[in-house]
Amino acid sequence: MGKGTIVLAYSGGLDTSICIPLLKERYDYDRVVTVAVHVGQRDEEIDIATKKGKKLADRHYTIDAREKFVNEHIFPAIRANGSYEGYPMGTSLARPLIAEEVVKVAHKEGATAIGHGCTGKGNDQLRFDVIIRGAGLEVVAPIRELNLTRDWEIEYARQHNIPVPVKKDKPWSMDENCWSRSIEGGLLEDPAYHPPEEIYLWTVPAQKAPDTPEKLRLEFKAGTPVALNGKKLAGYELIQNLNERAGKHGIGRNDMIEDRILGLKARENYEHPAATVILLAHRDLEGLVLTRQELAFKRMVDDKWSELAYKGLVYEPLYAALNAFINTTQERVNGSVDLELYKGNVRVLGRSSPDAIYSSDLVSFDSTSIDQCHAIGVSHYFGLQARLVHTLKNKKTSKK
């Protein structure tokens, strides 16, 4: 008598594909139910996962969570200027949602355990585990628990007639959603290795980008992008539109050394065209409508929000509290930002908002609305303590 049913978070890649027979051979489960969650991967990726899941597993689910991902995870990330060590987070934003959808299927199927294909060296194991255990379910992670290597997995897949897209000489590990695409593994693990152009699918190299710049206008309401070039668009459609536009201009590549949760440094390559454009525009618009004090404090809040989101700690009470503060500041982040896309770069051309706290009259050199003489008194006291310290130092030095 086996252990019954286990539900497997399934991507269709090497790791999750070999988990299907492993869960039966090594863990004695009778049924393996696979779940692929659509968070904006390319259609062919979802099709592959669906076909392979139906072929290899006892039952398969494909869940369309694209709009939910945008509304409940990407939009909050935009409002929080969500980034980790200098790049827009993507994979980390999707993991809690994927785990929650898999938990729903586990309850439906009467399973007491959920499997995933994460290694014991990466971040995703923790992001999945915290959600699964929070639902009172057991975690089974064959790649981690059996201490498997990529070469072993490729050979095991071959023995079990499991088609996988990776090869021993190009064992790229890729993850994709509509906000970001990550590529790692194989020769990319060498920080000095120059990535081949073949790893990029969303962006072109800057030298092959159009010679003519493209200008666009991005509109925000309450910190959320709502229109592109005057046309109202739903979140997912707007992001996909910008991925295509910015990607063809070579915008949104990152090649970096990243500090993982466990302390390991890893070489990561990313593509995130729309995220690069939207986050730049959002930060710029905040500078027009928020006070200096709000901006300074929000930078600290954004950093903490990003840390929690990177770790997948969306159930942490502080995460909800930070979102509450951020959403309050976003009530005035309304308006538009004009941008130019050109040869791998995006720059702001101008911005406007009905909630701007910028006054062209007050700041103008030709205006007398503010009497400049009023600043004389302020100047007498400005930096007073530092001036006194500097004076004392000079006196001591002159006596020597």
Protein backbone atom coordinates (compact mmCIF):
# COMPACT_ATOMS: atom_id res chain seq x y z
CA MET A 1 0.00 0.00 0.00
CA GLY A 2 1.52 3.30 -1.13
CA LYS A 3 1.25 6.77 0.33
CA GLY A 4 -1.67 7.88 -1.82
CA THR A 5 -1.67 11.11 -3.81
CA ILE A 6 0.94 13.86 -3.96
CA VAL A 7 0.53 17.11 -5.90
CA LEU A 8 3.59 18.43 -7.74
CA ALA A 9 4.27 22.04 -8.69
CA TYR A 10 5.15 21.49 -12.33
CA SER A 11 6.98 23.64 -14.88
CA GLY A 12 7.70 21.05 -17.55
CA GLY A 13 11.46 21.44 -17.11
CA LEU A 14 14.09 18.87 -16.20
CA ASP A 15 13.84 19.06 -12.41
CA THR A 16 10.07 18.81 -12.10
CA SER A 17 9.76 16.23 -14.90
CA ILE A 18 12.06 13.69 -13.28
CA CYS A 19 10.24 14.26 -9.97
CA ILE A 20 7.21 12.43 -11.37
CA PRO A 21 8.83 8.96 -11.54
CA LEU A 22 11.03 9.70 -8.52
CA LEU A 23 8.00 10.34 -6.32
CA LYS A 24 6.74 6.87 -7.18
CA GLU A 25 10.04 4.97 -7.19
CA ARG A 26 11.79 6.57 -4.23
CA TYR A 27 8.88 7.90 -2.15
CA ASP A 28 6.20 5.25 -2.80
CA TYR A 29 3.38 7.58 -3.85
CA ASP A 30 0.55 5.92 -5.78
CA ARG A 31 -0.55 8.98 -7.74
CA VAL A 32 1.28 12.11 -8.86
CA VAL A 33 -0.89 15.06 -9.82
CA THR A 34 0.93 17.88 -11.63
CA VAL A 35 -0.04 21.56 -11.57
CA ALA A 36 1.30 24.14 -14.04
CA VAL A 37 0.44 27.75 -13.18
CA HIS A 38 0.35 30.29 -16.01
CA VAL A 39 1.93 33.54 -14.78
CA GLY A 40 2.87 34.91 -18.19
CA GLN A 41 5.27 32.37 -19.61
CA ARG A 42 5.39 32.12 -23.39
CA ASP A 43 2.46 30.10 -24.75
CA GLU A 44 4.79 27.35 -25.97
CA GLU A 45 6.18 26.89 -22.46
CA ILE A 46 2.69 26.40 -21.01
CA ASP A 47 1.75 24.08 -23.88
CA ILE A 48 4.84 21.95 -23.23
CA ALA A 49 4.11 21.76 -19.50
CA THR A 50 0.48 20.86 -20.15
CA LYS A 51 1.25 18.13 -22.69
CA LYS A 52 4.08 16.62 -20.63
CA GLY A 53 2.03 16.78 -17.42
CA LYS A 54 -0.86 14.95 -19.06
CA LYS A 55 1.51 12.36 -20.50
CA LEU A 56 3.73 11.70 -17.48
CA ALA A 57 1.45 12.27 -14.48
CA ASP A 58 -1.73 10.55 -13.32
CA ARG A 59 -3.62 13.82 -13.55
CA HIS A 60 -2.70 17.33 -14.66
CA TYR A 61 -4.03 20.84 -14.04
CA THR A 62 -3.06 24.02 -15.90
CA ILE A 63 -4.24 27.13 -14.06
CA ASP A 64 -4.38 30.57 -15.66
CA ALA A 65 -3.30 33.01 -12.94
CA ARG A 66 -1.97 35.78 -15.17
CA GLU A 67 -4.34 38.57 -14.17
CA LYS A 68 -4.15 37.55 -10.52
CA PHE A 69 -0.36 37.64 -10.69
CA VAL A 70 -0.39 41.14 -12.15
CA ASN A 71 -3.03 42.58 -9.82
CA GLU A 72 -1.94 40.96 -6.56
CA HIS A 73 1.84 40.75 -6.97
CA ILE A 74 3.23 42.88 -9.80
CA PHE A 75 1.19 46.01 -9.10
CA PRO A 76 2.20 46.02 -5.41
CA ALA A 77 5.81 45.57 -6.55
CA ILE A 78 5.52 48.62 -8.80
CA ARG A 79 4.07 50.72 -5.98
CA ALA A 80 6.95 49.55 -3.77
CA ASN A 81 9.59 50.09 -6.49
CA GLY A 82 10.34 46.41 -5.91
CA SER A 83 13.94 45.52 -6.70
CA TYR A 84 16.65 43.35 -5.18
CA GLU A 85 20.32 44.32 -5.38
CA GLY A 86 19.60 46.52 -8.37
CA TYR A 87 17.28 44.46 -10.56
CA PRO A 88 13.48 44.18 -10.77
CA MET A 89 12.34 41.04 -8.95
CA GLY A 90 10.29 38.58 -10.97
CA THR A 91 10.72 34.94 -10.00
CA SER A 92 10.30 35.72 -6.30
CA LEU A 93 7.01 37.54 -6.95
CA ALA A 94 5.46 34.54 -8.69
CA ARG A 95 6.46 31.77 -6.28
CA PRO A 96 3.93 32.48 -3.47
CA LEU A 97 1.07 32.64 -5.98
CA ILE A 98 2.14 29.39 -7.66
CA ALA A 99 2.42 27.68 -4.28
CA GLU A 100 -1.03 28.90 -3.24
CA GLU A 101 -2.61 27.58 -6.44
CA VAL A 102 -0.92 24.20 -5.95
CA VAL A 103 -2.20 24.10 -2.34
CA LYS A 104 -5.76 24.58 -3.64
CA VAL A 105 -5.36 21.58 -5.93
CA ALA A 106 -3.87 19.52 -3.10
CA HIS A 107 -6.95 20.18 -0.98
CA LYS A 108 -9.19 19.31 -3.93
CA GLU A 109 -7.32 16.05 -4.58
CA GLY A 110 -7.22 15.08 -0.90
CA ALA A 111 -3.41 15.08 -0.87
CA THR A 112 -1.42 15.51 2.33
CA ALA A 113 1.83 16.47 0.61
CA ILE A 114 3.11 18.78 -2.12
CA GLY A 115 6.26 18.17 -4.13
CA HIS A 116 8.49 20.65 -5.93
CA GLY A 117 11.67 20.45 -7.99
CA CYS A 118 13.76 23.03 -6.13
CA THR A 119 17.38 22.39 -5.27
CA GLY A 120 18.83 22.82 -1.80
CA LYS A 121 21.02 25.71 -2.94
CA GLY A 122 18.52 28.19 -4.32
CA ASN A 123 15.86 30.55 -3.02
CA ASP A 124 12.73 28.91 -4.41
CA GLN A 125 12.79 26.01 -1.96
CA LEU A 126 12.14 28.47 0.88
CA ARG A 127 9.52 30.46 -1.00
CA PHE A 128 7.55 27.30 -1.75
CA ASP A 129 8.08 25.64 1.62
CA VAL A 130 6.79 28.54 3.72
CA ILE A 131 3.49 28.63 1.79
CA ILE A 132 3.04 24.84 1.73
CA ARG A 133 3.81 24.40 5.42
CA GLY A 134 1.58 27.36 6.20
CA ALA A 135 -1.27 25.33 4.67
CA GLY A 136 -0.50 22.40 6.96
CA LEU A 137 0.84 20.19 4.18
CA GLU A 138 4.03 18.13 3.99
CA VAL A 139 6.84 19.24 1.68
CA VAL A 140 8.62 16.71 -0.55
CA ALA A 141 11.61 17.99 -2.54
CA PRO A 142 13.38 15.09 -4.35
CA ILE A 143 16.17 17.14 -5.96
CA ARG A 144 17.13 18.58 -2.57
CA GLU A 145 16.54 15.49 -0.45
CA LEU A 146 18.37 13.09 -2.80
CA ASN A 147 21.21 15.58 -3.39
CA LEU A 148 20.96 15.18 -7.16
CA THR A 149 23.24 16.73 -9.79
CA ARG A 150 22.29 18.05 -13.22
CA ASP A 151 24.22 15.30 -15.03
CA TRP A 152 22.47 12.61 -12.98
CA GLU A 153 19.08 14.16 -13.74
CA ILE A 154 19.74 14.30 -17.49
CA GLU A 155 20.76 10.63 -17.52
CA TYR A 156 17.77 9.63 -15.38
CA ALA A 157 15.43 11.47 -17.74
CA ARG A 158 16.97 9.66 -20.70
CA GLN A 159 16.48 6.28 -19.02
CA HIS A 160 12.81 7.08 -18.38
CA ASN A 161 12.16 8.46 -21.88
CA ILE A 162 11.41 11.91 -20.49
CA PRO A 163 12.05 14.61 -23.11
CA VAL A 164 13.91 17.58 -21.63
CA PRO A 165 15.19 20.75 -23.36
CA VAL A 166 18.60 20.85 -21.64
CA LYS A 167 21.82 19.16 -22.68
CA LYS A 168 25.00 18.49 -20.73
CA ASP A 169 26.88 21.17 -22.64
CA LYS A 170 24.03 23.71 -22.32
CA PRO A 171 22.16 22.93 -19.10
CA TRP A 172 20.57 26.37 -18.78
CA SER A 173 17.98 26.67 -16.04
CA MET A 174 15.34 29.18 -17.04
CA ASP A 175 12.34 30.65 -15.28
CA GLU A 176 9.81 32.93 -16.86
CA ASN A 177 6.79 35.03 -16.05
CA CYS A 178 5.39 38.17 -17.65
CA TRP A 179 7.50 40.46 -15.42
CA SER A 180 10.89 38.78 -15.68
CA ARG A 181 12.93 35.99 -17.20
CA SER A 182 15.94 34.43 -15.45
CA ILE A 183 18.71 32.25 -16.89
CA GLU A 184 21.34 30.44 -14.83
CA GLY A 185 23.33 27.23 -14.61
CA GLY A 186 25.89 25.45 -16.76
CA LEU A 187 28.75 27.61 -18.00
CA LEU A 188 26.93 30.66 -16.64
CA GLU A 189 27.99 29.57 -13.16
CA ASP A 190 31.45 30.91 -14.02
CA PRO A 191 31.30 34.68 -13.28
CA ALA A 192 33.95 35.30 -15.98
CA TYR A 193 32.07 33.43 -18.70
CA HIS A 194 30.59 35.66 -21.41
CA PRO A 195 26.90 34.74 -21.88
CA PRO A 196 26.01 33.62 -25.41
CA GLU A 197 23.33 35.58 -27.18
CA GLU A 198 21.21 32.43 -27.42
CA ILE A 199 20.18 32.67 -23.75
CA TYR A 200 18.18 35.86 -24.43
CA LEU A 201 14.69 35.61 -25.86
CA TRP A 202 12.99 38.89 -24.93
CA THR A 203 15.68 41.41 -25.80
CA VAL A 204 18.05 42.14 -28.65
CA PRO A 205 21.65 43.30 -28.16
CA ALA A 206 21.84 47.10 -28.08
CA GLN A 207 23.89 47.23 -31.30
CA LYS A 208 21.06 45.49 -33.17
CA ALA A 209 18.35 47.75 -31.75
CA PRO A 210 16.65 50.28 -34.08
CA ASP A 211 18.64 53.39 -34.97
CA THR A 212 15.58 55.55 -34.36
CA PRO A 213 14.47 56.24 -30.76
CA GLU A 214 10.90 55.41 -29.75
CA LYS A 215 8.95 57.78 -27.54
CA LEU A 216 6.02 56.77 -25.38
CA ARG A 217 3.81 58.07 -22.59
CA LEU A 218 2.97 55.96 -19.56
CA GLU A 219 0.05 56.97 -17.33
CA PHE A 220 -0.41 56.06 -13.68
CA LYS A 221 -3.36 56.09 -11.32
CA ALA A 222 -2.71 55.56 -7.61
CA GLY A 223 0.79 54.29 -8.42
CA THR A 224 -0.44 51.72 -10.94
CA PRO A 225 0.17 51.93 -14.71
CA VAL A 226 -3.16 52.21 -16.53
CA ALA A 227 -2.50 53.53 -20.03
CA LEU A 228 0.14 53.56 -22.74
CA ASN A 229 0.25 56.34 -25.32
CA GLY A 230 -3.22 57.47 -24.27
CA LYS A 231 -4.79 54.02 -24.62
CA LYS A 232 -6.23 52.39 -21.51
CA LEU A 233 -4.89 48.86 -21.10
CA ALA A 234 -5.43 46.08 -18.58
CA GLY A 235 -2.34 45.32 -16.53
CA TYR A 236 -1.26 42.13 -18.25
CA GLU A 237 -1.76 43.57 -21.73
CA LEU A 238 0.15 46.74 -20.85
CA ILE A 239 3.11 44.77 -19.49
CA GLN A 240 3.26 42.47 -22.51
CA ASN A 241 3.05 45.47 -24.84
CA LEU A 242 6.00 47.13 -23.08
CA ASN A 243 7.99 43.89 -23.00
CA GLU A 244 7.81 43.82 -26.78
CA ARG A 245 8.46 47.55 -27.30
CA ALA A 246 11.36 47.85 -24.87
CA GLY A 247 12.79 44.43 -25.70
CA LYS A 248 13.29 45.32 -29.35
CA HIS A 249 15.33 48.32 -28.18
CA GLY A 250 17.61 46.08 -26.10
CA ILE A 251 16.29 47.38 -22.79
CA GLY A 252 16.10 45.30 -19.63
CA ARG A 253 19.12 42.99 -19.37
CA ASN A 254 20.99 42.26 -16.14
CA ASP A 255 24.10 40.14 -15.66
CA MET A 256 25.00 40.18 -11.99
CA ILE A 257 26.36 38.46 -8.92
CA GLU A 258 23.41 37.98 -6.60
CA ASP A 259 23.37 37.17 -2.89
CA ARG A 260 20.91 34.36 -2.27
CA ILE A 261 18.95 33.90 0.94
CA LEU A 262 21.24 31.11 2.17
CA GLY A 263 24.31 33.29 1.76
CA LEU A 264 25.60 31.82 -1.49
CA LYS A 265 26.65 34.19 -4.24
CA ALA A 266 25.25 33.23 -7.65
CA ARG A 267 25.71 34.52 -11.18
CA GLU A 268 22.31 35.46 -12.56
CA ASN A 269 21.16 36.71 -15.95
CA TYR A 270 17.82 38.45 -16.32
CA GLU A 271 15.54 39.99 -18.91
CA HIS A 272 12.83 42.42 -17.77
CA PRO A 273 12.06 45.07 -20.43
CA ALA A 274 8.65 46.25 -19.22
CA ALA A 275 9.71 46.20 -15.57
CA THR A 276 12.72 48.41 -16.34
CA VAL A 277 10.57 51.02 -18.07
CA ILE A 278 7.66 51.00 -15.62
CA LEU A 279 9.78 51.18 -12.46
CA LEU A 280 11.85 54.05 -13.82
CA ALA A 281 8.70 55.99 -14.71
CA HIS A 282 7.07 55.22 -11.37
CA ARG A 283 10.04 56.40 -9.31
CA ASP A 284 10.23 59.57 -11.37
CA LEU A 285 6.54 60.37 -10.87
CA GLU A 286 6.87 59.81 -7.11
CA GLY A 287 9.56 62.50 -7.08
CA LEU A 288 7.02 64.97 -8.43
CA VAL A 289 4.18 64.30 -6.00
CA LEU A 290 5.66 63.06 -2.71
CA THR A 291 7.35 65.24 -0.11
CA ARG A 292 11.03 64.95 0.75
CA GLN A 293 10.13 63.28 4.05
CA GLU A 294 7.79 60.80 2.34
CA LEU A 295 10.39 59.92 -0.27
CA ALA A 296 13.14 59.39 2.31
CA PHE A 297 11.02 57.17 4.54
CA LYS A 298 9.47 55.30 1.62
CA ARG A 299 12.93 54.34 0.35
CA MET A 300 13.48 52.47 3.62
CA VAL A 301 10.02 50.89 3.42
CA ASP A 302 10.58 49.87 -0.22
CA ASP A 303 13.88 48.21 0.71
CA LYS A 304 12.24 46.21 3.50
CA TRP A 305 9.27 45.32 1.31
CA SER A 306 11.65 44.08 -1.39
CA GLU A 307 13.59 41.97 1.13
CA LEU A 308 10.41 40.25 2.33
CA ALA A 309 9.13 39.76 -1.22
CA TYR A 310 12.48 38.35 -2.33
CA LYS A 311 12.30 35.79 0.46
CA GLY A 312 8.67 34.96 -0.33
CA LEU A 313 7.51 36.05 3.13
CA VAL A 314 4.14 37.36 2.00
CA TYR A 315 2.46 35.92 5.12
CA GLU A 316 4.72 37.99 7.38
CA PRO A 317 2.50 40.56 9.18
CA LEU A 318 5.04 43.28 8.46
CA TYR A 319 4.53 42.69 4.73
CA ALA A 320 0.85 43.67 5.04
CA ALA A 321 1.73 46.67 7.21
CA LEU A 322 4.29 47.91 4.68
CA ASN A 323 1.76 47.54 1.87
CA ALA A 324 -0.71 49.62 3.88
CA PHE A 325 1.80 52.46 4.22
CA ILE A 326 2.87 52.22 0.58
CA ASN A 327 -0.72 52.27 -0.69
CA THR A 328 -1.39 55.43 1.32
CA THR A 329 1.49 57.22 -0.35
CA GLN A 330 0.29 56.08 -3.77
CA GLU A 331 -3.03 57.90 -3.53
CA ARG A 332 -1.30 60.96 -5.04
CA VAL A 333 0.90 59.12 -7.55
CA ASN A 334 -1.26 60.07 -10.52
CA GLY A 335 -0.12 61.45 -13.84
CA SER A 336 1.99 60.66 -16.88
CA VAL A 337 5.65 60.19 -17.71
CA ASP A 338 7.14 60.63 -21.18
CA LEU A 339 10.00 58.28 -22.01
CA GLU A 340 12.46 57.53 -24.80
CA LEU A 341 13.66 54.02 -25.69
CA TYR A 342 16.95 53.84 -27.52
CA LYS A 343 19.85 51.39 -27.88
CA GLY A 344 19.52 49.59 -24.55
CA ASN A 345 18.58 52.68 -22.56
CA VAL A 346 15.38 54.30 -21.35
CA ARG A 347 15.28 57.88 -20.15
CA VAL A 348 12.62 60.21 -18.85
CA LEU A 349 11.76 63.15 -21.12
CA GLY A 350 9.16 64.79 -18.91
CA ARG A 351 6.42 64.22 -16.38
CA SER A 352 3.15 65.81 -15.22
CA SER A 353 0.61 65.24 -12.47
CA PRO A 354 -2.52 66.92 -11.09
CA ASP A 355 -1.06 66.17 -7.65
CA ALA A 356 2.37 67.67 -8.29
CA ILE A 357 3.85 69.68 -5.43
CA TYR A 358 6.14 71.40 -7.89
CA SER A 359 5.43 75.11 -8.48
CA SER A 360 6.97 76.67 -11.58
CA ASP A 361 6.02 80.07 -10.21
CA LEU A 362 7.77 79.64 -6.86
CA VAL A 363 10.93 78.11 -8.33
CA SER A 364 11.28 80.54 -11.26
CA PHE A 365 14.17 83.03 -11.19
CA ASP A 366 11.82 85.58 -12.74
CA SER A 367 9.10 85.30 -10.07
CA THR A 368 8.76 87.50 -6.98
CA SER A 369 6.09 85.36 -5.30
CA ILE A 370 8.75 84.42 -2.76
CA ASP A 371 10.81 87.32 -1.38
CA GLN A 372 14.45 86.16 -1.67
CA CYS A 373 15.36 88.36 1.28
CA HIS A 374 13.51 85.93 3.56
CA ALA A 375 16.29 83.40 2.97
CA ILE A 376 18.91 85.67 4.55
CA GLY A 377 17.83 84.80 8.09
CA VAL A 378 17.79 81.10 7.32
CA SER A 379 21.30 81.37 5.88
CA HIS A 380 22.63 82.83 9.15
CA TYR A 381 21.59 79.72 11.08
CA PHE A 382 22.12 77.07 8.38
CA GLY A 383 24.88 74.63 9.38
CA LEU A 384 25.51 76.57 12.60
CA GLN A 385 26.78 73.66 14.72
CA ALA A 386 29.10 72.40 12.01
CA ARG A 387 30.48 75.91 11.57
CA LEU A 388 31.17 76.18 15.29
CA VAL A 389 33.05 72.85 15.30
CA HIS A 390 35.05 73.93 12.26
CA THR A 391 35.93 77.25 13.94
CA LEU A 392 37.14 75.50 17.12
CA LYS A 393 39.32 73.14 15.08
CA ASN A 394 40.90 76.10 13.28
CA LYS A 395 41.62 77.83 16.60
CA LYS A 396 43.34 74.75 18.02
CA THR A 397 45.37 74.34 14.85
CA SER A 398 46.51 77.97 14.87
CA LYS A 399 47.78 77.66 18.47
CA LYS A 400 50.15 74.78 17.60
